[in-house]
Amino acid sequence: MKAKCPNDPNHKEFVTVAYVSEDWVVDENGDFIEVFENNDTCILHEPSADNIWYCNTCDNGTEAKVER
């Protein structure tokens, strides 16, 4: 898979969604306090070509073209 900015092919950083799991410290009601310092983050789903990708360099939220 490869993402390309439609405004400038030299732009190489993009924003998209990935799903991760992390350990939290919570109170007795399950309300978030902080991320546990010995956090063992687990990737549940890596970025997909089916996601929307935005160029991180362009100021206007330009949607990138993603090729599989």
N, C-alpha and C. Protein backbone atom coordinates (compact mmCIF):
# COMPACT_ATOMS: atom_id res chain seq x y z
N MET A 1 0.85 -1.16 0.00
CA MET A 1 0.00 0.00 0.00
C MET A 1 0.90 1.23 0.00
N LYS A 2 0.44 2.28 -0.68
CA LYS A 2 1.23 3.51 -0.75
C LYS A 2 0.28 4.70 -0.84
N ALA A 3 0.54 5.70 0.02
CA ALA A 3 -0.27 6.92 0.01
C ALA A 3 0.48 8.02 -0.72
N LYS A 4 -0.27 8.85 -1.44
CA LYS A 4 0.32 9.97 -2.18
C LYS A 4 -0.54 11.21 -1.97
N CYS A 5 0.13 12.32 -1.71
CA CYS A 5 -0.57 13.61 -1.61
C CYS A 5 -0.88 14.09 -3.03
N PRO A 6 -2.14 14.47 -3.31
CA PRO A 6 -2.47 14.96 -4.64
C PRO A 6 -1.91 16.35 -4.93
N ASN A 7 -1.49 17.08 -3.89
CA ASN A 7 -0.95 18.43 -4.07
C ASN A 7 0.56 18.44 -4.29
N ASP A 8 1.26 17.50 -3.66
CA ASP A 8 2.73 17.51 -3.73
C ASP A 8 3.25 16.10 -3.47
N PRO A 9 3.86 15.47 -4.47
CA PRO A 9 4.36 14.10 -4.30
C PRO A 9 5.51 13.99 -3.30
N ASN A 10 6.08 15.12 -2.88
CA ASN A 10 7.17 15.10 -1.90
C ASN A 10 6.65 15.02 -0.46
N HIS A 11 5.36 15.17 -0.25
CA HIS A 11 4.77 15.04 1.08
C HIS A 11 4.70 13.55 1.42
N LYS A 12 5.32 13.15 2.51
CA LYS A 12 5.45 11.73 2.84
C LYS A 12 4.83 11.33 4.17
N GLU A 13 4.15 12.25 4.88
CA GLU A 13 3.53 11.92 6.16
C GLU A 13 2.02 12.09 6.08
N PHE A 14 1.31 11.12 6.62
CA PHE A 14 -0.15 11.10 6.53
C PHE A 14 -0.77 10.77 7.88
N VAL A 15 -2.03 11.14 8.04
CA VAL A 15 -2.78 10.85 9.25
C VAL A 15 -3.92 9.91 8.87
N THR A 16 -4.03 8.79 9.58
CA THR A 16 -5.11 7.84 9.37
C THR A 16 -5.35 7.11 10.69
N VAL A 17 -6.25 6.17 10.69
CA VAL A 17 -6.65 5.49 11.92
C VAL A 17 -5.93 4.15 12.08
N ALA A 18 -5.48 3.89 13.30
CA ALA A 18 -5.03 2.57 13.72
C ALA A 18 -5.69 2.31 15.07
N TYR A 19 -6.01 1.08 15.36
CA TYR A 19 -6.64 0.74 16.63
C TYR A 19 -5.62 0.04 17.52
N VAL A 20 -5.46 0.56 18.74
CA VAL A 20 -4.52 -0.02 19.69
C VAL A 20 -5.23 -0.27 21.03
N SER A 21 -4.66 -1.16 21.78
CA SER A 21 -5.12 -1.46 23.13
C SER A 21 -4.05 -1.00 24.09
N GLU A 22 -4.44 -0.36 25.20
CA GLU A 22 -3.48 0.06 26.21
C GLU A 22 -4.07 -0.13 27.59
N ASP A 23 -3.21 -0.30 28.58
CA ASP A 23 -3.65 -0.47 29.96
C ASP A 23 -3.86 0.89 30.60
N TRP A 24 -4.97 1.03 31.32
CA TRP A 24 -5.31 2.28 31.99
C TRP A 24 -5.35 2.08 33.50
N VAL A 25 -5.07 3.13 34.23
CA VAL A 25 -5.38 3.21 35.65
C VAL A 25 -6.75 3.88 35.71
N VAL A 26 -7.70 3.25 36.44
CA VAL A 26 -9.06 3.76 36.54
C VAL A 26 -9.46 3.86 38.01
N ASP A 27 -10.51 4.62 38.28
CA ASP A 27 -11.03 4.68 39.65
C ASP A 27 -12.05 3.56 39.85
N GLU A 28 -12.69 3.55 41.02
CA GLU A 28 -13.63 2.47 41.36
C GLU A 28 -14.84 2.42 40.45
N ASN A 29 -15.09 3.50 39.68
CA ASN A 29 -16.21 3.54 38.73
C ASN A 29 -15.79 3.20 37.31
N GLY A 30 -14.49 2.91 37.13
CA GLY A 30 -13.99 2.62 35.79
C GLY A 30 -13.66 3.86 35.00
N ASP A 31 -13.64 5.03 35.64
CA ASP A 31 -13.31 6.28 34.95
C ASP A 31 -11.80 6.42 34.81
N PHE A 32 -11.37 6.85 33.65
CA PHE A 32 -9.96 6.99 33.32
C PHE A 32 -9.24 7.95 34.26
N ILE A 33 -8.06 7.54 34.72
CA ILE A 33 -7.18 8.41 35.48
C ILE A 33 -5.94 8.72 34.66
N GLU A 34 -5.26 7.67 34.18
CA GLU A 34 -4.06 7.84 33.35
C GLU A 34 -3.71 6.53 32.67
N VAL A 35 -2.82 6.61 31.70
CA VAL A 35 -2.30 5.40 31.06
C VAL A 35 -1.30 4.77 32.02
N PHE A 36 -1.42 3.48 32.23
CA PHE A 36 -0.52 2.74 33.12
C PHE A 36 0.91 2.88 32.63
N GLU A 37 1.84 3.23 33.53
CA GLU A 37 3.22 3.56 33.12
C GLU A 37 3.97 2.38 32.50
N ASN A 38 3.64 1.17 32.87
CA ASN A 38 4.27 0.00 32.26
C ASN A 38 3.38 -0.56 31.16
N ASN A 39 2.80 0.35 30.41
CA ASN A 39 1.82 0.01 29.38
C ASN A 39 2.38 -0.96 28.35
N ASP A 40 1.62 -1.98 28.05
CA ASP A 40 1.97 -2.94 27.01
C ASP A 40 0.99 -2.76 25.87
N THR A 41 1.22 -1.74 25.05
CA THR A 41 0.31 -1.42 23.95
C THR A 41 0.29 -2.55 22.94
N CYS A 42 -0.90 -2.87 22.48
CA CYS A 42 -1.08 -3.95 21.51
C CYS A 42 -1.81 -3.37 20.29
N ILE A 43 -1.28 -3.61 19.11
CA ILE A 43 -1.93 -3.15 17.88
C ILE A 43 -3.05 -4.13 17.54
N LEU A 44 -4.27 -3.62 17.49
CA LEU A 44 -5.42 -4.45 17.15
C LEU A 44 -5.71 -4.42 15.65
N HIS A 45 -5.47 -3.27 15.03
CA HIS A 45 -5.72 -3.14 13.58
C HIS A 45 -4.83 -2.03 13.04
N GLU A 46 -3.94 -2.39 12.14
CA GLU A 46 -3.04 -1.42 11.53
C GLU A 46 -3.79 -0.56 10.52
N PRO A 47 -3.21 0.56 10.09
CA PRO A 47 -3.87 1.37 9.07
C PRO A 47 -4.21 0.55 7.83
N SER A 48 -5.33 0.86 7.25
CA SER A 48 -5.84 0.13 6.09
C SER A 48 -5.99 1.08 4.90
N ALA A 49 -5.88 0.53 3.71
CA ALA A 49 -6.11 1.32 2.50
C ALA A 49 -7.57 1.75 2.42
N ASP A 50 -8.45 1.09 3.16
CA ASP A 50 -9.87 1.45 3.18
C ASP A 50 -10.16 2.65 4.07
N ASN A 51 -9.21 3.04 4.92
CA ASN A 51 -9.37 4.22 5.77
C ASN A 51 -9.24 5.48 4.92
N ILE A 52 -9.67 6.60 5.48
CA ILE A 52 -9.37 7.90 4.90
C ILE A 52 -8.00 8.31 5.41
N TRP A 53 -7.14 8.75 4.53
CA TRP A 53 -5.80 9.22 4.87
C TRP A 53 -5.72 10.69 4.50
N TYR A 54 -5.14 11.49 5.39
CA TYR A 54 -4.96 12.93 5.14
C TYR A 54 -3.47 13.25 5.12
N CYS A 55 -3.11 14.17 4.24
CA CYS A 55 -1.73 14.64 4.20
C CYS A 55 -1.45 15.43 5.47
N ASN A 56 -0.37 15.09 6.16
CA ASN A 56 -0.01 15.77 7.40
C ASN A 56 0.75 17.06 7.14
N THR A 57 1.15 17.31 5.90
CA THR A 57 1.91 18.51 5.56
C THR A 57 0.99 19.63 5.05
N CYS A 58 -0.01 19.28 4.28
CA CYS A 58 -0.95 20.28 3.76
C CYS A 58 -1.79 20.85 4.89
N ASP A 59 -2.09 22.13 4.82
CA ASP A 59 -2.85 22.80 5.87
C ASP A 59 -4.36 22.62 5.75
N ASN A 60 -4.82 22.17 4.63
CA ASN A 60 -6.26 22.17 4.38
C ASN A 60 -6.91 20.80 4.51
N GLY A 61 -6.26 19.84 5.15
CA GLY A 61 -6.87 18.52 5.32
C GLY A 61 -7.02 17.77 4.01
N THR A 62 -6.03 17.87 3.17
CA THR A 62 -6.08 17.23 1.85
C THR A 62 -6.13 15.71 1.99
N GLU A 63 -7.14 15.10 1.35
CA GLU A 63 -7.25 13.65 1.39
C GLU A 63 -6.27 13.04 0.39
N ALA A 64 -5.48 12.08 0.91
CA ALA A 64 -4.48 11.42 0.08
C ALA A 64 -5.13 10.33 -0.77
N LYS A 65 -4.44 9.96 -1.81
CA LYS A 65 -4.82 8.84 -2.66
C LYS A 65 -4.01 7.64 -2.19
N VAL A 66 -4.69 6.55 -1.86
CA VAL A 66 -4.01 5.35 -1.35
C VAL A 66 -4.15 4.23 -2.36
N GLU A 67 -3.01 3.69 -2.76
CA GLU A 67 -2.99 2.56 -3.70
C GLU A 67 -2.69 1.29 -2.92
N ARG A 68 -3.33 0.24 -3.29
CA ARG A 68 -3.11 -1.07 -2.64
C ARG A 68 -1.88 -1.75 -3.19
